[in-house]
Amino acid sequence: MDDAQKVLDAAVARRTKIAELLVVARAAVEEDRRNNLGILGAPKKSRKTRTAALSAAVVRLESGLLPGEHREVQVKPPGFLAASARANAQHHAQGEH
């Protein structure tokens, strides 16, 4: 029972940390949005990069990832594409679009 309580406490602490970071990240996105209001024309690359990074940070936090964590990539087994092509020939056929 003690181990279960430790796991539960760790999960609660993690969710609390994510919630705190999410408030800060959303405030940064809102501040960036306000800073971009008076700009005419296409945004410069540095501003677009900053806006995209701030938005990406919010999305990552909303999906439960802390900064520095990475979602594990799921590798398809060998032959998956060939099996998919055989099962769905109509989608893989080279016809007119």
C-alpha atoms as a PDB file:
ATOM      1  CA  MET A   1       0.000   0.000   0.000  1.00  0.00           C
ATOM      2  CA  ASP A   2       2.904   2.331   0.723  1.00  0.00           C
ATOM      3  CA  ASP A   3       4.276   1.872  -2.827  1.00  0.00           C
ATOM      4  CA  ALA A   4       0.894   2.691  -4.323  1.00  0.00           C
ATOM      5  CA  GLN A   5       0.716   5.870  -2.268  1.00  0.00           C
ATOM      6  CA  LYS A   6       4.201   6.901  -3.444  1.00  0.00           C
ATOM      7  CA  VAL A   7       3.208   6.342  -7.076  1.00  0.00           C
ATOM      8  CA  LEU A   8       0.008   8.313  -6.557  1.00  0.00           C
ATOM      9  CA  ASP A   9       1.890  11.166  -4.852  1.00  0.00           C
ATOM     10  CA  ALA A  10       4.418  11.257  -7.692  1.00  0.00           C
ATOM     11  CA  ALA A  11       1.607  11.387 -10.269  1.00  0.00           C
ATOM     12  CA  VAL A  12      -0.121  14.217  -8.399  1.00  0.00           C
ATOM     13  CA  ALA A  13       3.158  16.139  -8.117  1.00  0.00           C
ATOM     14  CA  ARG A  14       3.763  15.661 -11.847  1.00  0.00           C
ATOM     15  CA  ARG A  15       0.272  16.892 -12.788  1.00  0.00           C
ATOM     16  CA  THR A  16       0.700  19.883 -10.454  1.00  0.00           C
ATOM     17  CA  LYS A  17       4.051  20.764 -12.048  1.00  0.00           C
ATOM     18  CA  ILE A  18       2.528  20.477 -15.532  1.00  0.00           C
ATOM     19  CA  ALA A  19      -0.411  22.688 -14.490  1.00  0.00           C
ATOM     20  CA  GLU A  20       1.972  25.339 -13.119  1.00  0.00           C
ATOM     21  CA  LEU A  21       4.110  25.292 -16.263  1.00  0.00           C
ATOM     22  CA  LEU A  22       0.993  25.419 -18.423  1.00  0.00           C
ATOM     23  CA  VAL A  23      -0.146  28.656 -16.766  1.00  0.00           C
ATOM     24  CA  VAL A  24       3.256  30.228 -17.455  1.00  0.00           C
ATOM     25  CA  ALA A  25       3.365  28.910 -21.051  1.00  0.00           C
ATOM     26  CA  ARG A  26      -0.134  30.146 -21.855  1.00  0.00           C
ATOM     27  CA  ALA A  27       0.742  33.568 -20.427  1.00  0.00           C
ATOM     28  CA  ALA A  28       3.820  33.667 -22.677  1.00  0.00           C
ATOM     29  CA  VAL A  29       1.688  32.768 -25.718  1.00  0.00           C
ATOM     30  CA  GLU A  30      -0.808  35.505 -24.826  1.00  0.00           C
ATOM     31  CA  GLU A  31       1.994  38.042 -24.357  1.00  0.00           C
ATOM     32  CA  ASP A  32       3.490  37.053 -27.705  1.00  0.00           C
ATOM     33  CA  ARG A  33       0.066  37.424 -29.335  1.00  0.00           C
ATOM     34  CA  ARG A  34      -0.279  40.929 -27.878  1.00  0.00           C
ATOM     35  CA  ASN A  35       3.227  41.832 -29.072  1.00  0.00           C
ATOM     36  CA  ASN A  36       2.336  40.704 -32.603  1.00  0.00           C
ATOM     37  CA  LEU A  37      -0.873  42.757 -32.836  1.00  0.00           C
ATOM     38  CA  GLY A  38       0.478  45.946 -34.399  1.00  0.00           C
ATOM     39  CA  ILE A  39       2.784  44.296 -36.921  1.00  0.00           C
ATOM     40  CA  LEU A  40       1.807  44.641 -40.564  1.00  0.00           C
ATOM     41  CA  GLY A  41       2.876  42.247 -43.278  1.00  0.00           C
ATOM     42  CA  ALA A  42       4.361  38.826 -42.977  1.00  0.00           C
ATOM     43  CA  PRO A  43       6.158  38.172 -39.685  1.00  0.00           C
ATOM     44  CA  LYS A  44       9.919  37.831 -39.745  1.00  0.00           C
ATOM     45  CA  LYS A  45      11.343  34.370 -39.366  1.00  0.00           C
ATOM     46  CA  SER A  46      12.586  34.965 -35.823  1.00  0.00           C
ATOM     47  CA  ARG A  47       9.123  36.068 -34.673  1.00  0.00           C
ATOM     48  CA  LYS A  48       7.440  33.120 -36.426  1.00  0.00           C
ATOM     49  CA  THR A  49       9.928  30.739 -34.834  1.00  0.00           C
ATOM     50  CA  ARG A  50       9.309  32.206 -31.375  1.00  0.00           C
ATOM     51  CA  THR A  51       5.525  32.005 -31.776  1.00  0.00           C
ATOM     52  CA  ALA A  52       5.722  28.414 -33.009  1.00  0.00           C
ATOM     53  CA  ALA A  53       8.007  27.408 -30.125  1.00  0.00           C
ATOM     54  CA  LEU A  54       5.693  28.950 -27.538  1.00  0.00           C
ATOM     55  CA  SER A  55       2.661  27.235 -29.052  1.00  0.00           C
ATOM     56  CA  ALA A  56       4.515  23.914 -29.241  1.00  0.00           C
ATOM     57  CA  ALA A  57       5.424  24.185 -25.560  1.00  0.00           C
ATOM     58  CA  VAL A  58       1.751  24.565 -24.657  1.00  0.00           C
ATOM     59  CA  VAL A  59       0.772  21.580 -26.803  1.00  0.00           C
ATOM     60  CA  ARG A  60       3.477  19.407 -25.244  1.00  0.00           C
ATOM     61  CA  LEU A  61       2.374  20.336 -21.730  1.00  0.00           C
ATOM     62  CA  GLU A  62      -1.277  19.721 -22.593  1.00  0.00           C
ATOM     63  CA  SER A  63      -0.341  16.244 -23.802  1.00  0.00           C
ATOM     64  CA  GLY A  64       1.383  15.512 -20.487  1.00  0.00           C
ATOM     65  CA  LEU A  65       5.057  15.961 -21.386  1.00  0.00           C
ATOM     66  CA  LEU A  66       7.353  17.980 -19.178  1.00  0.00           C
ATOM     67  CA  PRO A  67      10.087  20.086 -20.806  1.00  0.00           C
ATOM     68  CA  GLY A  68      12.989  17.839 -21.773  1.00  0.00           C
ATOM     69  CA  GLU A  69      10.852  14.714 -22.063  1.00  0.00           C
ATOM     70  CA  HIS A  70      10.280  13.019 -25.388  1.00  0.00           C
ATOM     71  CA  ARG A  71       7.450  10.834 -26.517  1.00  0.00           C
ATOM     72  CA  GLU A  72       8.630   7.388 -27.467  1.00  0.00           C
ATOM     73  CA  VAL A  73       8.528   6.712 -31.201  1.00  0.00           C
ATOM     74  CA  GLN A  74       6.626   3.588 -32.129  1.00  0.00           C
ATOM     75  CA  VAL A  75       8.510   1.597 -34.737  1.00  0.00           C
ATOM     76  CA  LYS A  76       6.449  -0.423 -37.186  1.00  0.00           C
ATOM     77  CA  PRO A  77       7.536  -4.042 -37.561  1.00  0.00           C
ATOM     78  CA  PRO A  78       9.358  -5.091 -40.747  1.00  0.00           C
ATOM     79  CA  GLY A  79       6.951  -5.864 -43.546  1.00  0.00           C
ATOM     80  CA  PHE A  80       4.210  -3.640 -42.142  1.00  0.00           C
ATOM     81  CA  LEU A  81       4.049  -1.451 -45.239  1.00  0.00           C
ATOM     82  CA  ALA A  82       3.986  -4.455 -47.588  1.00  0.00           C
ATOM     83  CA  ALA A  83       1.198  -6.095 -45.568  1.00  0.00           C
ATOM     84  CA  SER A  84      -0.742  -2.827 -45.537  1.00  0.00           C
ATOM     85  CA  ALA A  85      -0.324  -2.482 -49.308  1.00  0.00           C
ATOM     86  CA  ARG A  86      -1.605  -6.013 -49.871  1.00  0.00           C
ATOM     87  CA  ALA A  87      -4.587  -5.476 -47.588  1.00  0.00           C
ATOM     88  CA  ASN A  88      -5.440  -2.056 -49.047  1.00  0.00           C
ATOM     89  CA  ALA A  89      -4.473  -2.359 -52.688  1.00  0.00           C
ATOM     90  CA  GLN A  90      -6.940   0.310 -53.810  1.00  0.00           C
ATOM     91  CA  HIS A  91      -5.166   2.929 -51.692  1.00  0.00           C
ATOM     92  CA  HIS A  92      -1.671   1.949 -52.810  1.00  0.00           C
ATOM     93  CA  ALA A  93      -2.411   1.531 -56.512  1.00  0.00           C
ATOM     94  CA  GLN A  94      -0.816   4.067 -58.806  1.00  0.00           C
ATOM     95  CA  GLY A  95      -3.806   5.408 -60.620  1.00  0.00           C
ATOM     96  CA  GLU A  96      -4.951   8.796 -61.757  1.00  0.00           C
ATOM     97  CA  HIS A  97      -5.627  11.330 -59.037  1.00  0.00           C
END
